[in-house]
Amino acid sequence: MPDAHKLFEALVREHAEMLLVYLRAALSNTSDVDDLFQETMIVAWRRLDDFDESRPFGQWLRGIAKRLVLAHHRRQGARPCDSVILDQLDARIGHLAAQPGDTWQEKLALLPNCIQSLPDHFRHAVRLRYFQQQPIAQLVESLEASEAAIKKRLQRARALILECIQKNLNRLGFSV
């Protein structure tokens, strides 16, 4: 089975960063992200024969990850993760994956400049939440704002980042 093994390795290299982006967005704990990344890869390897080659590999991989994330939340007894949100996240990542560029690094190269262009209060919240991985409860204390205000600030920051990336892609001649 060396051909399947080589194909799997190539597909994993191509989609590993995309899967990490998906899992980081779906989970708050870094060790959970690492664990579920590995578990997703193991399940994908075991179920490789079930992969429908007419569909995108990344979408199939995120489907496996989604089921594992939902099961993880059930096991942890945590607030249930919304399946609809995971579907929306999958659609956004699928849309980005369809954009021109050979790697996720190339596709996300605009992200640092877009984050830097955010107004200070948005940029600070994004850095604390997504780079320092502070939970929302800690952001409430750090930023001295209500939970609803923090969530709204992060939602608005994500929308501004997406808008910035789309503008830059359009300027570079890619239709989004």
C-alpha atoms as a PDB file:
ATOM      1  CA  MET A   1       0.000   0.000   0.000  1.00  0.00           C
ATOM      2  CA  PRO A   2       2.884   2.443  -0.565  1.00  0.00           C
ATOM      3  CA  ASP A   3       0.956   4.469  -3.148  1.00  0.00           C
ATOM      4  CA  ALA A   4      -1.917   5.157  -0.725  1.00  0.00           C
ATOM      5  CA  HIS A   5       0.619   5.980   1.990  1.00  0.00           C
ATOM      6  CA  LYS A   6       2.415   8.523  -0.232  1.00  0.00           C
ATOM      7  CA  LEU A   7      -0.874  10.030  -1.377  1.00  0.00           C
ATOM      8  CA  PHE A   8      -2.070  10.350   2.209  1.00  0.00           C
ATOM      9  CA  GLU A   9       1.206  12.021   3.250  1.00  0.00           C
ATOM     10  CA  ALA A  10       0.926  14.519   0.383  1.00  0.00           C
ATOM     11  CA  LEU A  11      -2.696  15.329   1.180  1.00  0.00           C
ATOM     12  CA  VAL A  12      -1.926  15.725   4.875  1.00  0.00           C
ATOM     13  CA  ARG A  13       0.966  18.098   4.128  1.00  0.00           C
ATOM     14  CA  GLU A  14      -1.352  20.127   1.899  1.00  0.00           C
ATOM     15  CA  HIS A  15      -4.211  20.284   4.412  1.00  0.00           C
ATOM     16  CA  ALA A  16      -2.532  20.173   7.856  1.00  0.00           C
ATOM     17  CA  GLU A  17      -2.488  23.943   8.394  1.00  0.00           C
ATOM     18  CA  MET A  18      -6.096  24.262   7.223  1.00  0.00           C
ATOM     19  CA  LEU A  19      -7.097  21.598   9.729  1.00  0.00           C
ATOM     20  CA  LEU A  20      -5.223  23.378  12.516  1.00  0.00           C
ATOM     21  CA  VAL A  21      -7.001  26.637  11.663  1.00  0.00           C
ATOM     22  CA  TYR A  22     -10.341  24.813  11.843  1.00  0.00           C
ATOM     23  CA  LEU A  23      -9.533  23.141  15.173  1.00  0.00           C
ATOM     24  CA  ARG A  24      -8.140  26.324  16.733  1.00  0.00           C
ATOM     25  CA  ALA A  25     -11.348  28.117  15.828  1.00  0.00           C
ATOM     26  CA  ALA A  26     -13.465  25.299  17.277  1.00  0.00           C
ATOM     27  CA  LEU A  27     -11.521  24.643  20.495  1.00  0.00           C
ATOM     28  CA  SER A  28     -10.077  26.942  23.132  1.00  0.00           C
ATOM     29  CA  ASN A  29      -7.430  24.653  24.636  1.00  0.00           C
ATOM     30  CA  THR A  30      -4.153  24.195  22.721  1.00  0.00           C
ATOM     31  CA  SER A  31      -3.612  20.659  23.992  1.00  0.00           C
ATOM     32  CA  ASP A  32      -7.131  19.727  22.841  1.00  0.00           C
ATOM     33  CA  VAL A  33      -6.290  21.132  19.401  1.00  0.00           C
ATOM     34  CA  ASP A  34      -3.147  18.998  19.241  1.00  0.00           C
ATOM     35  CA  ASP A  35      -4.962  15.878  20.474  1.00  0.00           C
ATOM     36  CA  LEU A  36      -7.864  16.243  18.060  1.00  0.00           C
ATOM     37  CA  PHE A  37      -5.512  17.026  15.176  1.00  0.00           C
ATOM     38  CA  GLN A  38      -3.709  13.737  15.792  1.00  0.00           C
ATOM     39  CA  GLU A  39      -6.959  11.855  16.301  1.00  0.00           C
ATOM     40  CA  THR A  40      -8.365  13.288  13.061  1.00  0.00           C
ATOM     41  CA  MET A  41      -5.296  12.118  11.167  1.00  0.00           C
ATOM     42  CA  ILE A  42      -5.522   8.632  12.675  1.00  0.00           C
ATOM     43  CA  VAL A  43      -9.217   8.333  11.811  1.00  0.00           C
ATOM     44  CA  ALA A  44      -8.567   9.669   8.301  1.00  0.00           C
ATOM     45  CA  TRP A  45      -5.770   7.130   7.764  1.00  0.00           C
ATOM     46  CA  ARG A  46      -7.961   4.267   8.987  1.00  0.00           C
ATOM     47  CA  ARG A  47     -10.902   5.415   6.850  1.00  0.00           C
ATOM     48  CA  LEU A  48      -8.918   6.376   3.747  1.00  0.00           C
ATOM     49  CA  ASP A  49     -10.735   3.705   1.749  1.00  0.00           C
ATOM     50  CA  ASP A  50     -14.020   5.531   2.526  1.00  0.00           C
ATOM     51  CA  PHE A  51     -12.767   8.782   0.981  1.00  0.00           C
ATOM     52  CA  ASP A  52     -14.794   9.764  -2.110  1.00  0.00           C
ATOM     53  CA  GLU A  53     -12.189  11.061  -4.559  1.00  0.00           C
ATOM     54  CA  SER A  54     -14.823  13.169  -6.327  1.00  0.00           C
ATOM     55  CA  ARG A  55     -15.039  15.402  -3.228  1.00  0.00           C
ATOM     56  CA  PRO A  56     -12.368  17.712  -1.763  1.00  0.00           C
ATOM     57  CA  PHE A  57     -10.028  16.017   0.712  1.00  0.00           C
ATOM     58  CA  GLY A  58      -9.989  19.065   3.011  1.00  0.00           C
ATOM     59  CA  GLN A  59     -13.763  19.016   3.349  1.00  0.00           C
ATOM     60  CA  TRP A  60     -13.678  15.287   4.172  1.00  0.00           C
ATOM     61  CA  LEU A  61     -10.942  15.876   6.756  1.00  0.00           C
ATOM     62  CA  ARG A  62     -12.894  18.736   8.371  1.00  0.00           C
ATOM     63  CA  GLY A  63     -15.970  16.473   8.500  1.00  0.00           C
ATOM     64  CA  ILE A  64     -13.992  13.960  10.532  1.00  0.00           C
ATOM     65  CA  ALA A  65     -12.672  16.760  12.747  1.00  0.00           C
ATOM     66  CA  LYS A  66     -16.195  18.150  13.245  1.00  0.00           C
ATOM     67  CA  ARG A  67     -17.474  14.814  14.557  1.00  0.00           C
ATOM     68  CA  LEU A  68     -14.470  14.546  16.873  1.00  0.00           C
ATOM     69  CA  VAL A  69     -14.943  18.121  18.158  1.00  0.00           C
ATOM     70  CA  LEU A  70     -18.617  17.486  18.905  1.00  0.00           C
ATOM     71  CA  ALA A  71     -17.765  14.205  20.688  1.00  0.00           C
ATOM     72  CA  HIS A  72     -15.000  15.976  22.636  1.00  0.00           C
ATOM     73  CA  HIS A  73     -17.436  18.628  23.870  1.00  0.00           C
ATOM     74  CA  ARG A  74     -19.908  15.937  24.923  1.00  0.00           C
ATOM     75  CA  ARG A  75     -17.182  14.019  26.823  1.00  0.00           C
ATOM     76  CA  GLN A  76     -15.959  17.174  28.558  1.00  0.00           C
ATOM     77  CA  GLY A  77     -19.465  18.086  29.654  1.00  0.00           C
ATOM     78  CA  ALA A  78     -18.696  21.530  28.334  1.00  0.00           C
ATOM     79  CA  ARG A  79     -21.195  23.874  26.800  1.00  0.00           C
ATOM     80  CA  PRO A  80     -22.154  22.055  23.609  1.00  0.00           C
ATOM     81  CA  CYS A  81     -20.448  23.192  20.459  1.00  0.00           C
ATOM     82  CA  ASP A  82     -22.921  24.344  17.842  1.00  0.00           C
ATOM     83  CA  SER A  83     -22.858  22.108  14.779  1.00  0.00           C
ATOM     84  CA  VAL A  84     -24.152  24.983  12.628  1.00  0.00           C
ATOM     85  CA  ILE A  85     -21.181  27.144  13.622  1.00  0.00           C
ATOM     86  CA  LEU A  86     -18.796  24.320  12.698  1.00  0.00           C
ATOM     87  CA  ASP A  87     -20.562  24.014   9.335  1.00  0.00           C
ATOM     88  CA  GLN A  88     -20.172  27.760   8.742  1.00  0.00           C
ATOM     89  CA  LEU A  89     -16.506  27.562   9.705  1.00  0.00           C
ATOM     90  CA  ASP A  90     -16.057  24.660   7.292  1.00  0.00           C
ATOM     91  CA  ALA A  91     -17.703  26.662   4.503  1.00  0.00           C
ATOM     92  CA  ARG A  92     -15.453  29.684   5.145  1.00  0.00           C
ATOM     93  CA  ILE A  93     -12.318  27.532   5.155  1.00  0.00           C
ATOM     94  CA  GLY A  94     -13.515  25.705   2.048  1.00  0.00           C
ATOM     95  CA  HIS A  95     -14.017  29.054   0.309  1.00  0.00           C
ATOM     96  CA  LEU A  96     -10.539  30.197   1.298  1.00  0.00           C
ATOM     97  CA  ALA A  97      -9.044  26.869   0.186  1.00  0.00           C
ATOM     98  CA  ALA A  98     -10.586  27.398  -3.258  1.00  0.00           C
ATOM     99  CA  GLN A  99      -8.768  30.728  -3.674  1.00  0.00           C
ATOM    100  CA  PRO A 100      -5.582  30.918  -5.748  1.00  0.00           C
ATOM    101  CA  GLY A 101      -2.312  30.098  -4.022  1.00  0.00           C
ATOM    102  CA  ASP A 102      -0.411  26.899  -3.536  1.00  0.00           C
ATOM    103  CA  THR A 103      -0.274  26.752   0.248  1.00  0.00           C
ATOM    104  CA  TRP A 104      -2.164  28.000   3.270  1.00  0.00           C
ATOM    105  CA  GLN A 105       0.844  30.153   4.066  1.00  0.00           C
ATOM    106  CA  GLU A 106       0.421  31.983   0.766  1.00  0.00           C
ATOM    107  CA  LYS A 107      -3.310  32.316   1.241  1.00  0.00           C
ATOM    108  CA  LEU A 108      -2.937  33.685   4.748  1.00  0.00           C
ATOM    109  CA  ALA A 109       0.024  35.954   4.013  1.00  0.00           C
ATOM    110  CA  LEU A 110      -2.297  38.977   4.099  1.00  0.00           C
ATOM    111  CA  LEU A 111      -3.549  38.204   7.599  1.00  0.00           C
ATOM    112  CA  PRO A 112      -0.799  39.916   9.677  1.00  0.00           C
ATOM    113  CA  ASN A 113      -1.182  43.214   7.802  1.00  0.00           C
ATOM    114  CA  CYS A 114      -4.954  43.055   8.126  1.00  0.00           C
ATOM    115  CA  ILE A 115      -4.696  42.448  11.868  1.00  0.00           C
ATOM    116  CA  GLN A 116      -2.208  45.296  12.177  1.00  0.00           C
ATOM    117  CA  SER A 117      -4.604  47.631  10.350  1.00  0.00           C
ATOM    118  CA  LEU A 118      -7.363  47.074  12.927  1.00  0.00           C
ATOM    119  CA  PRO A 119      -8.227  49.867  15.363  1.00  0.00           C
ATOM    120  CA  ASP A 120      -6.315  49.401  18.630  1.00  0.00           C
ATOM    121  CA  HIS A 121      -9.231  48.064  20.706  1.00  0.00           C
ATOM    122  CA  PHE A 122     -10.014  45.392  18.093  1.00  0.00           C
ATOM    123  CA  ARG A 123      -6.352  44.471  17.512  1.00  0.00           C
ATOM    124  CA  HIS A 124      -5.698  44.123  21.250  1.00  0.00           C
ATOM    125  CA  ALA A 125      -8.727  41.856  21.733  1.00  0.00           C
ATOM    126  CA  VAL A 126      -7.703  39.691  18.742  1.00  0.00           C
ATOM    127  CA  ARG A 127      -4.142  39.337  20.019  1.00  0.00           C
ATOM    128  CA  LEU A 128      -5.264  38.344  23.523  1.00  0.00           C
ATOM    129  CA  ARG A 129      -7.907  35.888  22.318  1.00  0.00           C
ATOM    130  CA  TYR A 130      -6.262  34.248  19.318  1.00  0.00           C
ATOM    131  CA  PHE A 131      -2.525  34.676  19.837  1.00  0.00           C
ATOM    132  CA  GLN A 132      -2.351  34.402  23.621  1.00  0.00           C
ATOM    133  CA  GLN A 133      -5.427  32.126  23.675  1.00  0.00           C
ATOM    134  CA  GLN A 134      -7.055  33.839  26.615  1.00  0.00           C
ATOM    135  CA  PRO A 135     -10.568  32.598  27.349  1.00  0.00           C
ATOM    136  CA  ILE A 136     -13.436  35.081  27.091  1.00  0.00           C
ATOM    137  CA  ALA A 137     -13.744  35.224  30.898  1.00  0.00           C
ATOM    138  CA  GLN A 138     -10.146  36.408  31.153  1.00  0.00           C
ATOM    139  CA  LEU A 139     -10.715  38.980  28.398  1.00  0.00           C
ATOM    140  CA  VAL A 140     -13.612  40.400  30.417  1.00  0.00           C
ATOM    141  CA  GLU A 141     -11.118  41.148  33.198  1.00  0.00           C
ATOM    142  CA  SER A 142      -8.202  42.211  30.959  1.00  0.00           C
ATOM    143  CA  LEU A 143     -10.245  44.561  28.801  1.00  0.00           C
ATOM    144  CA  GLU A 144     -12.680  45.632  31.532  1.00  0.00           C
ATOM    145  CA  ALA A 145     -15.744  45.046  29.396  1.00  0.00           C
ATOM    146  CA  SER A 146     -18.782  42.787  29.555  1.00  0.00           C
ATOM    147  CA  GLU A 147     -18.761  39.339  27.998  1.00  0.00           C
ATOM    148  CA  ALA A 148     -21.282  40.498  25.384  1.00  0.00           C
ATOM    149  CA  ALA A 149     -19.099  43.514  24.525  1.00  0.00           C
ATOM    150  CA  ILE A 150     -15.996  41.310  24.173  1.00  0.00           C
ATOM    151  CA  LYS A 151     -17.807  38.843  21.924  1.00  0.00           C
ATOM    152  CA  LYS A 152     -19.165  41.692  19.782  1.00  0.00           C
ATOM    153  CA  ARG A 153     -15.702  43.271  19.562  1.00  0.00           C
ATOM    154  CA  LEU A 154     -14.174  39.974  18.386  1.00  0.00           C
ATOM    155  CA  GLN A 155     -17.015  39.424  15.916  1.00  0.00           C
ATOM    156  CA  ARG A 156     -16.508  42.898  14.455  1.00  0.00           C
ATOM    157  CA  ALA A 157     -12.715  42.404  14.337  1.00  0.00           C
ATOM    158  CA  ARG A 158     -13.124  39.124  12.417  1.00  0.00           C
ATOM    159  CA  ALA A 159     -15.466  40.842   9.961  1.00  0.00           C
ATOM    160  CA  LEU A 160     -12.951  43.664   9.434  1.00  0.00           C
ATOM    161  CA  ILE A 161     -10.131  41.163   8.901  1.00  0.00           C
ATOM    162  CA  LEU A 162     -12.193  39.246   6.330  1.00  0.00           C
ATOM    163  CA  GLU A 163     -13.097  42.489   4.574  1.00  0.00           C
ATOM    164  CA  CYS A 164      -9.409  43.512   4.488  1.00  0.00           C
ATOM    165  CA  ILE A 165      -8.317  40.145   3.063  1.00  0.00           C
ATOM    166  CA  GLN A 166     -11.031  40.258   0.413  1.00  0.00           C
ATOM    167  CA  LYS A 167     -10.054  43.799  -0.613  1.00  0.00           C
ATOM    168  CA  ASN A 168      -6.403  42.806  -0.887  1.00  0.00           C
ATOM    169  CA  LEU A 169      -7.222  39.695  -2.907  1.00  0.00           C
ATOM    170  CA  ASN A 170      -9.402  41.772  -5.245  1.00  0.00           C
ATOM    171  CA  ARG A 171      -6.605  44.320  -5.617  1.00  0.00           C
ATOM    172  CA  LEU A 172      -4.255  41.453  -6.547  1.00  0.00           C
ATOM    173  CA  GLY A 173      -6.700  40.358  -9.243  1.00  0.00           C
ATOM    174  CA  PHE A 174      -8.369  37.439  -7.469  1.00  0.00           C
ATOM    175  CA  SER A 175     -12.153  37.464  -7.434  1.00  0.00           C
ATOM    176  CA  VAL A 176     -13.554  36.565  -4.035  1.00  0.00           C
END
